[in-house]
Amino acid sequence: MSVNIVQIEPVPPEEDGPTSAQPLDPTTSSSACPSPAFLHYRSGSSTPRSRPSSPTNSPGNGLTRFSTSEAPPDWVPKMQRRTSARKVGVERAWYSKKRVKGIVGVIGLLVFYFLMNWVMLLRLQDHGIRSESGFPGNSSLPSDSVTIPAKWRKIGKVKKAQKGNYGRMLALAAHALAEGQSKPEPKDLWLEPLVPSVSWKPCADQRNWEPNEGKNGYILVTANGGMNQQRVAVCNAVAVARLLNSTLVVPKFLYSSIWRDVSQFGDIYQEEHFIKYLSPDIRIVKELPKELQSLDLEAIGSVVTDVDIPKEAKPSFYFKHIIPILLKNGVVHFLGFGHRLAFDPIPFQLQRLRCRCNFHALQFIPKIQEVGALLLQRLRQNESHPGPLDRYLVGSFAEPVKKQTKSRAKKASRYLALHLRFEIDMVAHSLCEFGGGEEERKELEAYREIHFPALTLLKKTTTLPTPAELREEGLCPLTPEEAVLMLAALGFNRKTHVFVAGSQIYGGRSRMIALTSLYPKLVTKENLLTPTELEPFMNFSSQLAALDFIGCTAADAFAMTDSGSQLSSLVSGFRIYYGGGKMPTIRPNKRRLASIFMKNSTIEWRVFEQRIRKAVRQTKHIQPRPRARSMYRYPRCDECMCNMTITS
């Protein structure tokens, strides 16, 4: 179903909307198969910087406490001479023994140090390894810190996949992390370029127009994809309703065979707040008037699918093709609606409305907010220090936590959120290979035939880039092994608390060994929340995705592994809009990283480290939204935010 494919969006390295056909969460086309990533690509880029200092351990040599004694004068009796000589002999023997003990002690410490390194390296090869969590209350956690559908667990056990390709680099990373446990992390690892970023302030809530009467008819929208694609579709629908002076019916969500979630708008977002907050902009109702409910919309030509609307359609398209249907039938149903409205050229206030919808009108329901607040408390290991974005994510549930433990002075733990986009849908849609050989190829092809039939047909009838060419162009999702190598090279130490979102990892537990070995304090929402707390969300992937959204957005630092991911795009945009220039995001340029990873069999760790940091640092520049790019991801633009350096 086109809905599914849109959701899967397998690849664009850039944004969730324009010109991108991505896997993650960007909404791709709703057609039966979104165009594979290799058809539309750009190089993304990323961020951090700083080199680690290498500490050296040199045992200090103790100074001698005794110097050679001179011969006693002749007048000293013979007996005294003998006594003195005996004394000196004893002292020298004592010193010699002490010196030997010191040398033995130093050798023992060195042996212990190398033994610990050896044990760490062995763990990378050990498939029976258990993941330590390092978070309170997790001592009884299963070794499977990542949730994997039973169907795919076998596959993970059989495949050692990429591990074989990166064994050398993972060993070097393990050694570097063990060696650098006492070293400070790079200074700017948890920071954004402060001066240029703090000058941008949220202002999408400001309005400068009269309410829309919605007199041209009603717009029904059924959005496809997962939670993140649906969020974008809702805000685009709000803008289209205003553009066409029509009334919007609260959006519906299509069921996807991939996400398998029956959740509707009111199961994820606060419906009343949505309607009320946007009432000065457009008219929103919960359902069609009774006289229109009985119409066969398809028969009268009021159903418009995503196939009928070009991606990134301009306002002129809607005036030319949609207004006539609205005026004739009084209603239009956009079926499978997603990225069907361009980002430029669009009137200023209409753009601001899209930002207002995304950053202000869409608030999670209390059930999600409450558990989201609990997740954040456990991630920080502290209840008295809400983060700067908490109130925008979990609403009033951030406040009681604040008052609850006012007297405590315990410092909250900071954590890194990692969106590991390596689920089966992404892997299959990318058309890349990940080291699993013929078995993997057959398995992914079978998955494509069921979920991406159009892509399967395209693959059979068209000459497409080879997996190697796709990887070279940066069009393959980063594997867990590549992700952990990137984090280690950037300077995140072994004690870093890591929250992993997107835990249905293809290949299962074996693909997570590198991550859990090098970063033992790694957790997912499934680790931190009890089965009872998670039970209301089970079988509702969009609601679970909302918890991941909260955990990633509130993190002290956020790292994405695919810049085309819709979740990553929305999270990074939210962090920019509300973060006040203090919420760094790591956006790897996969094309540049691919050229570095290709040298994994020969490159030295120090060189690898320098190149990764340079590649990531280049994406950290603060700049306004590029033309035709998504304001959901790049809200630094006059329509969404106010640049105080200009206004002042």
Foldseek 3Di string as FASTA:
>chain_A
DLLAQQQQQFFEQAALAPQARHGAGRGAFSPLHGPFGVVGYDFAFFAFFDAFDFDDDDDDDDDDPDDDDDQDDPVDDPVVNVVVVVVVVVVVVVVVVVNVVVVVVVVVVVVVLVVVLVVLLVLLVDPVDAFFAPFPPQPPPGSQQFDAPPVQQVLLVVDLFCCVVQSLLLSQLSVLQSRCVVTDFGPCLLFFPAPQQLLWAFDLLDDDDAAQPQPLFEEEEAAGHFQLQVLQLQLVVLLLSLLLSHEYAQYFYDAAPVLQARDTLVQWWPPVLLQVSCRRYYHYHNDDPPVLVPDPCVVLVQEDESVNADAQHESVVCVVPVSVSCNVRRYHYYYNGGRRHFCPDDDLNSNSSSLCSLQPRTATDQLLLLVLLLLVCRLQVAQQDAFLCSCSHNNCNNPVSNVVPVPDPDGTHAAEEEEQPAALSNQLSNQADGGRPPVVVVVSLVVCVVSPVVVNVCVVPDDDDHNVVCQLQLGHFDFLLLVVSLCSLSGDHQAHQYEYPPRNHRSGPSSCSSVSSSRSNYHYSPSSDDCVSCVVCPSRSNSSVSSSLSVQLRHSEYEYRRSNHSSLLLSQLNCSHRVSSRYYYTSRRSNQSSVLSVCSVPDDSSVSSNSSNVRNNVNSDDDADDPRHDCSRGVRDPSTIDRNVVVD
